[in-house]
PDB file of all heavy atoms in Angstrom:
ATOM      1  N   GLN A   1       0.838  -1.223  -0.036  1.00  0.00           N
ATOM      2  CA  GLN A   1       0.013  -0.002   0.047  1.00  0.00           C
ATOM      3  C   GLN A   1       0.866   1.280   0.001  1.00  0.00           C
ATOM      4  O   GLN A   1       2.020   1.244   0.464  1.00  0.00           O
ATOM      5  CB  GLN A   1      -0.917   0.027   1.269  1.00  0.00           C
ATOM      6  CG  GLN A   1      -1.971  -0.969   1.184  1.00  0.00           C
ATOM      7  CD  GLN A   1      -3.073  -0.853   2.336  1.00  0.00           C
ATOM      8  OE1 GLN A   1      -2.642  -0.397   3.376  1.00  0.00           O
ATOM      9  NE2 GLN A   1      -4.232  -1.186   2.082  1.00  0.00           N
ATOM     10  N   ALA A   2       0.243   2.268  -0.429  1.00  0.00           N
ATOM     11  CA  ALA A   2       1.114   3.629  -0.419  1.00  0.00           C
ATOM     12  C   ALA A   2       1.508   3.937   0.956  1.00  0.00           C
ATOM     13  O   ALA A   2       0.731   3.718   1.901  1.00  0.00           O
ATOM     14  CB  ALA A   2       0.109   4.680  -1.018  1.00  0.00           C
ATOM     15  N   GLY A   3       2.662   4.430   1.045  1.00  0.00           N
ATOM     16  CA  GLY A   3       3.259   4.695   2.316  1.00  0.00           C
ATOM     17  C   GLY A   3       4.033   3.554   2.945  1.00  0.00           C
ATOM     18  O   GLY A   3       4.783   3.714   3.975  1.00  0.00           O
ATOM     19  N   GLY A   4       3.951   2.419   2.358  1.00  0.00           N
ATOM     20  CA  GLY A   4       4.664   1.272   2.801  1.00  0.00           C
ATOM     21  C   GLY A   4       6.141   1.155   2.257  1.00  0.00           C
ATOM     22  O   GLY A   4       6.558   2.071   1.678  1.00  0.00           O
ATOM     23  N   SER A   5       6.741   0.014   2.657  1.00  0.00           N
ATOM     24  CA  SER A   5       8.126  -0.167   2.339  1.00  0.00           C
ATOM     25  C   SER A   5       8.380  -1.575   1.691  1.00  0.00           C
ATOM     26  O   SER A   5       7.651  -2.499   1.992  1.00  0.00           O
ATOM     27  CB  SER A   5       9.038  -0.090   3.593  1.00  0.00           C
ATOM     28  OG  SER A   5       8.865   1.236   4.275  1.00  0.00           O
ATOM     29  N   LEU A   6       9.479  -1.610   0.914  1.00  0.00           N
ATOM     30  CA  LEU A   6       9.930  -2.834   0.398  1.00  0.00           C
ATOM     31  C   LEU A   6      11.435  -2.741   0.310  1.00  0.00           C
ATOM     32  O   LEU A   6      12.007  -1.646   0.160  1.00  0.00           O
ATOM     33  CB  LEU A   6       9.435  -3.076  -1.034  1.00  0.00           C
ATOM     34  CG  LEU A   6       7.916  -3.559  -1.199  1.00  0.00           C
ATOM     35  CD1 LEU A   6       7.621  -3.607  -2.644  1.00  0.00           C
ATOM     36  CD2 LEU A   6       7.737  -4.934  -0.571  1.00  0.00           C
ATOM     37  N   ARG A   7      12.108  -3.928   0.362  1.00  0.00           N
ATOM     38  CA  ARG A   7      13.487  -3.933   0.224  1.00  0.00           C
ATOM     39  C   ARG A   7      13.812  -4.869  -0.997  1.00  0.00           C
ATOM     40  O   ARG A   7      13.551  -6.120  -0.856  1.00  0.00           O
ATOM     41  CB  ARG A   7      14.223  -4.482   1.492  1.00  0.00           C
ATOM     42  CG  ARG A   7      15.777  -4.326   1.442  1.00  0.00           C
ATOM     43  CD  ARG A   7      16.324  -5.100   2.496  1.00  0.00           C
ATOM     44  NE  ARG A   7      17.764  -4.744   2.714  1.00  0.00           N
ATOM     45  CZ  ARG A   7      18.638  -5.591   3.347  1.00  0.00           C
ATOM     46  NH1 ARG A   7      18.236  -6.790   3.785  1.00  0.00           N
ATOM     47  NH2 ARG A   7      19.893  -5.199   3.502  1.00  0.00           N
ATOM     48  N   LEU A   8      14.408  -4.341  -1.913  1.00  0.00           N
ATOM     49  CA  LEU A   8      14.780  -5.208  -3.177  1.00  0.00           C
ATOM     50  C   LEU A   8      16.253  -5.620  -2.973  1.00  0.00           C
ATOM     51  O   LEU A   8      17.073  -4.931  -2.431  1.00  0.00           O
ATOM     52  CB  LEU A   8      14.676  -4.431  -4.366  1.00  0.00           C
ATOM     53  CG  LEU A   8      13.272  -3.763  -4.780  1.00  0.00           C
ATOM     54  CD1 LEU A   8      13.318  -3.101  -6.125  1.00  0.00           C
ATOM     55  CD2 LEU A   8      12.152  -4.814  -4.639  1.00  0.00           C
ATOM     56  N   SER A   9      16.500  -6.890  -3.423  1.00  0.00           N
ATOM     57  CA  SER A   9      17.886  -7.437  -3.479  1.00  0.00           C
ATOM     58  C   SER A   9      18.252  -7.753  -4.906  1.00  0.00           C
ATOM     59  O   SER A   9      17.465  -8.217  -5.620  1.00  0.00           O
ATOM     60  CB  SER A   9      17.994  -8.648  -2.582  1.00  0.00           C
ATOM     61  OG  SER A   9      17.687  -8.331  -1.187  1.00  0.00           O
ATOM     62  N   CYS A  10      19.508  -7.678  -5.162  1.00  0.00           N
ATOM     63  CA  CYS A  10      20.028  -8.007  -6.392  1.00  0.00           C
ATOM     64  C   CYS A  10      21.341  -8.954  -6.128  1.00  0.00           C
ATOM     65  O   CYS A  10      22.362  -8.386  -5.703  1.00  0.00           O
ATOM     66  CB  CYS A  10      20.409  -6.861  -7.214  1.00  0.00           C
ATOM     67  SG  CYS A  10      21.389  -7.158  -8.711  1.00  0.00           S
ATOM     68  N   ALA A  11      21.163 -10.207  -6.372  1.00  0.00           N
ATOM     69  CA  ALA A  11      22.280 -11.182  -6.000  1.00  0.00           C
ATOM     70  C   ALA A  11      22.973 -11.514  -7.326  1.00  0.00           C
ATOM     71  O   ALA A  11      22.397 -11.903  -8.385  1.00  0.00           O
ATOM     72  CB  ALA A  11      21.677 -12.404  -5.421  1.00  0.00           C
ATOM     73  N   ALA A  12      24.264 -11.428  -7.321  1.00  0.00           N
ATOM     74  CA  ALA A  12      25.117 -11.733  -8.433  1.00  0.00           C
ATOM     75  C   ALA A  12      25.708 -13.124  -8.309  1.00  0.00           C
ATOM     76  O   ALA A  12      26.054 -13.601  -7.187  1.00  0.00           O
ATOM     77  CB  ALA A  12      26.173 -10.714  -8.577  1.00  0.00           C
ATOM     78  N   SER A  13      25.751 -13.801  -9.467  1.00  0.00           N
ATOM     79  CA  SER A  13      26.369 -15.071  -9.425  1.00  0.00           C
ATOM     80  C   SER A  13      27.279 -15.246 -10.701  1.00  0.00           C
ATOM     81  O   SER A  13      27.080 -14.533 -11.747  1.00  0.00           O
ATOM     82  CB  SER A  13      25.376 -16.140  -9.319  1.00  0.00           C
ATOM     83  OG  SER A  13      24.548 -16.138 -10.392  1.00  0.00           O
ATOM     84  N   GLY A  14      28.185 -16.259 -10.695  1.00  0.00           N
ATOM     85  CA  GLY A  14      28.890 -16.495 -11.895  1.00  0.00           C
ATOM     86  C   GLY A  14      30.171 -15.698 -11.970  1.00  0.00           C
ATOM     87  O   GLY A  14      31.146 -16.017 -12.701  1.00  0.00           O
ATOM     88  N   ARG A  15      30.260 -14.526 -11.304  1.00  0.00           N
ATOM     89  CA  ARG A  15      31.391 -13.651 -11.269  1.00  0.00           C
ATOM     90  C   ARG A  15      31.194 -12.691 -10.146  1.00  0.00           C
ATOM     91  O   ARG A  15      30.115 -12.530  -9.715  1.00  0.00           O
ATOM     92  CB  ARG A  15      31.703 -12.972 -12.558  1.00  0.00           C
ATOM     93  CG  ARG A  15      30.510 -12.199 -13.026  1.00  0.00           C
ATOM     94  CD  ARG A  15      30.890 -11.177 -14.221  1.00  0.00           C
ATOM     95  NE  ARG A  15      31.721 -10.067 -13.783  1.00  0.00           N
ATOM     96  CZ  ARG A  15      32.041  -9.104 -14.589  1.00  0.00           C
ATOM     97  NH1 ARG A  15      31.726  -9.143 -15.878  1.00  0.00           N
ATOM     98  NH2 ARG A  15      32.785  -8.050 -14.161  1.00  0.00           N
ATOM     99  N   SER A  16      32.236 -12.009  -9.790  1.00  0.00           N
ATOM    100  CA  SER A  16      32.145 -10.983  -8.737  1.00  0.00           C
ATOM    101  C   SER A  16      32.013  -9.644  -9.395  1.00  0.00           C
ATOM    102  O   SER A  16      32.632  -9.329 -10.443  1.00  0.00           O
ATOM    103  CB  SER A  16      33.398 -10.952  -7.795  1.00  0.00           C
ATOM    104  OG  SER A  16      33.377  -9.874  -6.944  1.00  0.00           O
ATOM    105  N   PHE A  17      30.966  -8.844  -8.856  1.00  0.00           N
ATOM    106  CA  PHE A  17      30.869  -7.522  -9.327  1.00  0.00           C
ATOM    107  C   PHE A  17      31.290  -6.443  -8.306  1.00  0.00           C
ATOM    108  O   PHE A  17      30.994  -5.332  -8.329  1.00  0.00           O
ATOM    109  CB  PHE A  17      29.336  -7.323  -9.595  1.00  0.00           C
ATOM    110  CG  PHE A  17      28.830  -8.032 -10.816  1.00  0.00           C
ATOM    111  CD1 PHE A  17      28.220  -9.273 -10.681  1.00  0.00           C
ATOM    112  CD2 PHE A  17      28.903  -7.438 -12.115  1.00  0.00           C
ATOM    113  CE1 PHE A  17      27.777  -9.897 -11.883  1.00  0.00           C
ATOM    114  CE2 PHE A  17      28.541  -8.163 -13.213  1.00  0.00           C
ATOM    115  CZ  PHE A  17      27.968  -9.359 -13.109  1.00  0.00           C
ATOM    116  N   SER A  18      32.122  -6.975  -7.425  1.00  0.00           N
ATOM    117  CA  SER A  18      32.546  -6.083  -6.270  1.00  0.00           C
ATOM    118  C   SER A  18      33.378  -4.868  -6.719  1.00  0.00           C
ATOM    119  O   SER A  18      33.444  -3.920  -6.044  1.00  0.00           O
ATOM    120  CB  SER A  18      33.362  -6.919  -5.368  1.00  0.00           C
ATOM    121  OG  SER A  18      34.577  -7.373  -5.867  1.00  0.00           O
ATOM    122  N   ILE A  19      33.953  -4.925  -7.997  1.00  0.00           N
ATOM    123  CA  ILE A  19      34.752  -3.721  -8.379  1.00  0.00           C
ATOM    124  C   ILE A  19      33.939  -2.895  -9.316  1.00  0.00           C
ATOM    125  O   ILE A  19      34.511  -1.952 -10.002  1.00  0.00           O
ATOM    126  CB  ILE A  19      36.056  -4.134  -8.978  1.00  0.00           C
ATOM    127  CG1 ILE A  19      35.834  -4.983 -10.315  1.00  0.00           C
ATOM    128  CG2 ILE A  19      36.895  -4.907  -7.968  1.00  0.00           C
ATOM    129  CD1 ILE A  19      37.189  -5.294 -10.958  1.00  0.00           C
ATOM    130  N   TYR A  20      32.669  -3.144  -9.569  1.00  0.00           N
ATOM    131  CA  TYR A  20      31.851  -2.429 -10.419  1.00  0.00           C
ATOM    132  C   TYR A  20      30.745  -1.691  -9.770  1.00  0.00           C
ATOM    133  O   TYR A  20      30.119  -2.142  -8.822  1.00  0.00           O
ATOM    134  CB  TYR A  20      31.133  -3.380 -11.477  1.00  0.00           C
ATOM    135  CG  TYR A  20      32.194  -4.083 -12.346  1.00  0.00           C
ATOM    136  CD1 TYR A  20      32.842  -5.334 -12.053  1.00  0.00           C
ATOM    137  CD2 TYR A  20      32.545  -3.484 -13.587  1.00  0.00           C
ATOM    138  CE1 TYR A  20      33.713  -5.888 -12.771  1.00  0.00           C
ATOM    139  CE2 TYR A  20      33.472  -4.187 -14.458  1.00  0.00           C
ATOM    140  CZ  TYR A  20      33.978  -5.319 -14.089  1.00  0.00           C
ATOM    141  OH  TYR A  20      34.990  -5.958 -14.863  1.00  0.00           O
ATOM    142  N   ALA A  21      30.553  -0.427 -10.209  1.00  0.00           N
ATOM    143  CA  ALA A  21      29.403   0.306  -9.774  1.00  0.00           C
ATOM    144  C   ALA A  21      28.122  -0.501 -10.177  1.00  0.00           C
ATOM    145  O   ALA A  21      28.126  -1.201 -11.269  1.00  0.00           O
ATOM    146  CB  ALA A  21      29.336   1.668 -10.329  1.00  0.00           C
ATOM    147  N   MET A  22      27.015  -0.253  -9.401  1.00  0.00           N
ATOM    148  CA  MET A  22      25.758  -0.960  -9.667  1.00  0.00           C
ATOM    149  C   MET A  22      24.613   0.036  -9.719  1.00  0.00           C
ATOM    150  O   MET A  22      24.696   1.013  -8.974  1.00  0.00           O
ATOM    151  CB  MET A  22      25.449  -2.007  -8.637  1.00  0.00           C
ATOM    152  CG  MET A  22      26.541  -3.098  -8.492  1.00  0.00           C
ATOM    153  SD  MET A  22      26.583  -4.208  -9.926  1.00  0.00           S
ATOM    154  CE  MET A  22      25.048  -5.078  -9.632  1.00  0.00           C
ATOM    155  N   GLY A  23      23.631  -0.232 -10.482  1.00  0.00           N
ATOM    156  CA  GLY A  23      22.517   0.640 -10.548  1.00  0.00           C
ATOM    157  C   GLY A  23      21.210  -0.042 -10.468  1.00  0.00           C
ATOM    158  O   GLY A  23      21.054  -1.283 -10.722  1.00  0.00           O
ATOM    159  N   TRP A  24      20.242   0.640 -10.111  1.00  0.00           N
ATOM    160  CA  TRP A  24      18.785   0.209 -10.159  1.00  0.00           C
ATOM    161  C   TRP A  24      18.065   1.074 -11.148  1.00  0.00           C
ATOM    162  O   TRP A  24      18.111   2.272 -11.081  1.00  0.00           O
ATOM    163  CB  TRP A  24      18.118   0.301  -8.754  1.00  0.00           C
ATOM    164  CG  TRP A  24      18.440  -0.765  -7.793  1.00  0.00           C
ATOM    165  CD1 TRP A  24      19.382  -0.675  -6.826  1.00  0.00           C
ATOM    166  CD2 TRP A  24      17.860  -2.143  -7.745  1.00  0.00           C
ATOM    167  NE1 TRP A  24      19.476  -1.890  -6.140  1.00  0.00           N
ATOM    168  CE2 TRP A  24      18.579  -2.753  -6.674  1.00  0.00           C
ATOM    169  CE3 TRP A  24      16.900  -2.777  -8.411  1.00  0.00           C
ATOM    170  CZ2 TRP A  24      18.186  -4.094  -6.261  1.00  0.00           C
ATOM    171  CZ3 TRP A  24      16.598  -4.127  -8.059  1.00  0.00           C
ATOM    172  CH2 TRP A  24      17.235  -4.765  -6.965  1.00  0.00           C
ATOM    173  N   PHE A  25      17.209   0.402 -11.906  1.00  0.00           N
ATOM    174  CA  PHE A  25      16.323   1.022 -12.929  1.00  0.00           C
ATOM    175  C   PHE A  25      14.987   0.606 -12.777  1.00  0.00           C
ATOM    176  O   PHE A  25      14.749  -0.449 -12.205  1.00  0.00           O
ATOM    177  CB  PHE A  25      16.931   0.764 -14.374  1.00  0.00           C
ATOM    178  CG  PHE A  25      18.172   1.463 -14.700  1.00  0.00           C
ATOM    179  CD1 PHE A  25      19.429   0.885 -14.205  1.00  0.00           C
ATOM    180  CD2 PHE A  25      18.317   2.655 -15.400  1.00  0.00           C
ATOM    181  CE1 PHE A  25      20.644   1.509 -14.493  1.00  0.00           C
ATOM    182  CE2 PHE A  25      19.529   3.241 -15.706  1.00  0.00           C
ATOM    183  CZ  PHE A  25      20.665   2.641 -15.163  1.00  0.00           C
ATOM    184  N   ARG A  26      13.978   1.296 -13.298  1.00  0.00           N
ATOM    185  CA  ARG A  26      12.654   0.790 -13.348  1.00  0.00           C
ATOM    186  C   ARG A  26      12.014   1.211 -14.603  1.00  0.00           C
ATOM    187  O   ARG A  26      12.274   2.122 -15.295  1.00  0.00           O
ATOM    188  CB  ARG A  26      11.839   1.412 -12.145  1.00  0.00           C
ATOM    189  CG  ARG A  26      11.644   2.920 -12.184  1.00  0.00           C
ATOM    190  CD  ARG A  26      11.082   3.400 -10.832  1.00  0.00           C
ATOM    191  NE  ARG A  26      10.835   4.833 -10.874  1.00  0.00           N
ATOM    192  CZ  ARG A  26      10.402   5.504  -9.813  1.00  0.00           C
ATOM    193  NH1 ARG A  26      10.144   4.885  -8.668  1.00  0.00           N
ATOM    194  NH2 ARG A  26      10.305   6.823  -9.928  1.00  0.00           N
ATOM    195  N   GLN A  27      10.915   0.423 -14.947  1.00  0.00           N
ATOM    196  CA  GLN A  27      10.165   0.571 -16.200  1.00  0.00           C
ATOM    197  C   GLN A  27       8.720   0.428 -15.811  1.00  0.00           C
ATOM    198  O   GLN A  27       8.326  -0.782 -15.478  1.00  0.00           O
ATOM    199  CB  GLN A  27      10.628  -0.292 -17.305  1.00  0.00           C
ATOM    200  CG  GLN A  27       9.934   0.006 -18.666  1.00  0.00           C
ATOM    201  CD  GLN A  27      10.582  -0.636 -19.725  1.00  0.00           C
ATOM    202  OE1 GLN A  27      11.312  -1.648 -19.588  1.00  0.00           O
ATOM    203  NE2 GLN A  27      10.361  -0.121 -20.986  1.00  0.00           N
ATOM    204  N   ALA A  28       7.935   1.383 -15.958  1.00  0.00           N
ATOM    205  CA  ALA A  28       6.445   1.341 -15.765  1.00  0.00           C
ATOM    206  C   ALA A  28       5.832   1.001 -17.081  1.00  0.00           C
ATOM    207  O   ALA A  28       6.391   1.227 -18.205  1.00  0.00           O
ATOM    208  CB  ALA A  28       5.945   2.685 -15.285  1.00  0.00           C
ATOM    209  N   PRO A  29       4.588   0.467 -17.122  1.00  0.00           N
ATOM    210  CA  PRO A  29       3.874   0.103 -18.293  1.00  0.00           C
ATOM    211  C   PRO A  29       3.784   1.344 -19.207  1.00  0.00           C
ATOM    212  O   PRO A  29       3.362   2.332 -18.821  1.00  0.00           O
ATOM    213  CB  PRO A  29       2.461  -0.361 -17.921  1.00  0.00           C
ATOM    214  CG  PRO A  29       2.785  -0.838 -16.492  1.00  0.00           C
ATOM    215  CD  PRO A  29       3.845   0.081 -15.851  1.00  0.00           C
ATOM    216  N   GLY A  30       4.174   1.134 -20.480  1.00  0.00           N
ATOM    217  CA  GLY A  30       3.991   2.158 -21.438  1.00  0.00           C
ATOM    218  C   GLY A  30       5.048   3.324 -21.349  1.00  0.00           C
ATOM    219  O   GLY A  30       4.946   4.201 -22.115  1.00  0.00           O
ATOM    220  N   LYS A  31       6.019   3.097 -20.499  1.00  0.00           N
ATOM    221  CA  LYS A  31       7.103   4.136 -20.404  1.00  0.00           C
ATOM    222  C   LYS A  31       8.458   3.497 -20.598  1.00  0.00           C
ATOM    223  O   LYS A  31       8.744   2.402 -20.562  1.00  0.00           O
ATOM    224  CB  LYS A  31       6.992   4.674 -18.880  1.00  0.00           C
ATOM    225  CG  LYS A  31       5.749   5.488 -18.589  1.00  0.00           C
ATOM    226  CD  LYS A  31       5.827   6.193 -17.252  1.00  0.00           C
ATOM    227  CE  LYS A  31       4.649   7.013 -17.057  1.00  0.00           C
ATOM    228  NZ  LYS A  31       4.631   7.717 -15.779  1.00  0.00           N
ATOM    229  N   GLU A  32       9.384   4.385 -20.786  1.00  0.00           N
ATOM    230  CA  GLU A  32      10.810   3.961 -20.997  1.00  0.00           C
ATOM    231  C   GLU A  32      11.453   3.673 -19.680  1.00  0.00           C
ATOM    232  O   GLU A  32      11.026   4.120 -18.571  1.00  0.00           O
ATOM    233  CB  GLU A  32      11.603   5.095 -21.678  1.00  0.00           C
ATOM    234  CG  GLU A  32      11.137   5.402 -23.109  1.00  0.00           C
ATOM    235  CD  GLU A  32      12.044   6.411 -23.793  1.00  0.00           C
ATOM    236  OE1 GLU A  32      12.971   6.950 -23.183  1.00  0.00           O
ATOM    237  OE2 GLU A  32      11.940   6.564 -25.057  1.00  0.00           O
ATOM    238  N   ARG A  33      12.436   2.827 -19.749  1.00  0.00           N
ATOM    239  CA  ARG A  33      13.195   2.482 -18.560  1.00  0.00           C
ATOM    240  C   ARG A  33      13.910   3.701 -18.018  1.00  0.00           C
ATOM    241  O   ARG A  33      14.429   4.568 -18.794  1.00  0.00           O
ATOM    242  CB  ARG A  33      14.197   1.385 -18.874  1.00  0.00           C
ATOM    243  CG  ARG A  33      15.054   0.968 -17.615  1.00  0.00           C
ATOM    244  CD  ARG A  33      16.056  -0.120 -18.032  1.00  0.00           C
ATOM    245  NE  ARG A  33      15.309  -1.346 -18.316  1.00  0.00           N
ATOM    246  CZ  ARG A  33      15.955  -2.459 -18.755  1.00  0.00           C
ATOM    247  NH1 ARG A  33      17.234  -2.484 -19.023  1.00  0.00           N
ATOM    248  NH2 ARG A  33      15.181  -3.530 -18.893  1.00  0.00           N
ATOM    249  N   GLU A  34      13.790   3.966 -16.683  1.00  0.00           N
ATOM    250  CA  GLU A  34      14.429   5.019 -16.093  1.00  0.00           C
ATOM    251  C   GLU A  34      15.276   4.767 -14.969  1.00  0.00           C
ATOM    252  O   GLU A  34      15.135   3.762 -14.254  1.00  0.00           O
ATOM    253  CB  GLU A  34      13.313   6.043 -15.621  1.00  0.00           C
ATOM    254  CG  GLU A  34      12.608   5.655 -14.378  1.00  0.00           C
ATOM    255  CD  GLU A  34      11.794   6.749 -13.705  1.00  0.00           C
ATOM    256  OE1 GLU A  34      11.984   7.918 -14.045  1.00  0.00           O
ATOM    257  OE2 GLU A  34      10.904   6.536 -12.882  1.00  0.00           O
ATOM    258  N   PHE A  35      16.341   5.598 -14.802  1.00  0.00           N
ATOM    259  CA  PHE A  35      17.291   5.406 -13.635  1.00  0.00           C
ATOM    260  C   PHE A  35      16.653   5.742 -12.459  1.00  0.00           C
ATOM    261  O   PHE A  35      15.839   6.678 -12.235  1.00  0.00           O
ATOM    262  CB  PHE A  35      18.437   6.342 -13.916  1.00  0.00           C
ATOM    263  CG  PHE A  35      19.410   6.525 -12.826  1.00  0.00           C
ATOM    264  CD1 PHE A  35      20.385   5.510 -12.548  1.00  0.00           C
ATOM    265  CD2 PHE A  35      19.393   7.601 -11.947  1.00  0.00           C
ATOM    266  CE1 PHE A  35      21.290   5.615 -11.461  1.00  0.00           C
ATOM    267  CE2 PHE A  35      20.142   7.802 -10.839  1.00  0.00           C
ATOM    268  CZ  PHE A  35      21.124   6.827 -10.606  1.00  0.00           C
ATOM    269  N   VAL A  36      17.003   4.897 -11.386  1.00  0.00           N
ATOM    270  CA  VAL A  36      16.513   5.133  -9.972  1.00  0.00           C
ATOM    271  C   VAL A  36      17.648   5.437  -9.045  1.00  0.00           C
ATOM    272  O   VAL A  36      17.614   6.580  -8.336  1.00  0.00           O
ATOM    273  CB  VAL A  36      15.763   3.792  -9.477  1.00  0.00           C
ATOM    274  CG1 VAL A  36      15.321   4.068  -7.948  1.00  0.00           C
ATOM    275  CG2 VAL A  36      14.534   3.514 -10.395  1.00  0.00           C
ATOM    276  N   ALA A  37      18.707   4.685  -9.011  1.00  0.00           N
ATOM    277  CA  ALA A  37      19.767   4.850  -8.109  1.00  0.00           C
ATOM    278  C   ALA A  37      21.078   4.092  -8.473  1.00  0.00           C
ATOM    279  O   ALA A  37      20.946   3.154  -9.212  1.00  0.00           O
ATOM    280  CB  ALA A  37      19.351   4.320  -6.656  1.00  0.00           C
ATOM    281  N   ALA A  38      22.176   4.619  -8.080  1.00  0.00           N
ATOM    282  CA  ALA A  38      23.431   3.974  -8.391  1.00  0.00           C
ATOM    283  C   ALA A  38      24.367   4.054  -7.285  1.00  0.00           C
ATOM    284  O   ALA A  38      24.222   4.960  -6.402  1.00  0.00           O
ATOM    285  CB  ALA A  38      24.006   4.557  -9.673  1.00  0.00           C
ATOM    286  N   ILE A  39      25.280   3.125  -7.137  1.00  0.00           N
ATOM    287  CA  ILE A  39      26.245   3.135  -6.090  1.00  0.00           C
ATOM    288  C   ILE A  39      27.580   2.752  -6.619  1.00  0.00           C
ATOM    289  O   ILE A  39      27.723   1.947  -7.576  1.00  0.00           O
ATOM    290  CB  ILE A  39      25.849   2.111  -4.909  1.00  0.00           C
ATOM    291  CG1 ILE A  39      26.754   2.237  -3.764  1.00  0.00           C
ATOM    292  CG2 ILE A  39      25.813   0.621  -5.552  1.00  0.00           C
ATOM    293  CD1 ILE A  39      26.221   1.471  -2.488  1.00  0.00           C
ATOM    294  N   SER A  40      28.651   3.500  -6.137  1.00  0.00           N
ATOM    295  CA  SER A  40      29.951   3.206  -6.587  1.00  0.00           C
ATOM    296  C   SER A  40      30.511   1.817  -6.230  1.00  0.00           C
ATOM    297  O   SER A  40      29.846   1.171  -5.465  1.00  0.00           O
ATOM    298  CB  SER A  40      30.937   4.306  -5.994  1.00  0.00           C
ATOM    299  OG  SER A  40      30.952   4.224  -4.619  1.00  0.00           O
ATOM    300  N   TRP A  41      31.546   1.459  -6.859  1.00  0.00           N
ATOM    301  CA  TRP A  41      32.027   0.107  -6.619  1.00  0.00           C
ATOM    302  C   TRP A  41      32.324  -0.259  -5.176  1.00  0.00           C
ATOM    303  O   TRP A  41      32.138  -1.358  -4.747  1.00  0.00           O
ATOM    304  CB  TRP A  41      33.331  -0.259  -7.465  1.00  0.00           C
ATOM    305  CG  TRP A  41      34.535   0.525  -6.936  1.00  0.00           C
ATOM    306  CD1 TRP A  41      34.891   1.805  -7.159  1.00  0.00           C
ATOM    307  CD2 TRP A  41      35.579  -0.049  -6.060  1.00  0.00           C
ATOM    308  NE1 TRP A  41      36.002   2.150  -6.626  1.00  0.00           N
ATOM    309  CE2 TRP A  41      36.572   1.022  -5.818  1.00  0.00           C
ATOM    310  CE3 TRP A  41      35.650  -1.212  -5.502  1.00  0.00           C
ATOM    311  CZ2 TRP A  41      37.613   0.816  -5.022  1.00  0.00           C
ATOM    312  CZ3 TRP A  41      36.860  -1.385  -4.690  1.00  0.00           C
ATOM    313  CH2 TRP A  41      37.762  -0.407  -4.406  1.00  0.00           C
TER     314      TRP A  41
END
């Protein structure tokens, strides 16, 4: 519901991404993918 909270996780496998910056993006129906947040390596 509006006002609530969620915690998303992104688990990597097959290789380490520890030296790479990571980002979160989102795409709503009928809209282009947009940037949400990024974090340095």
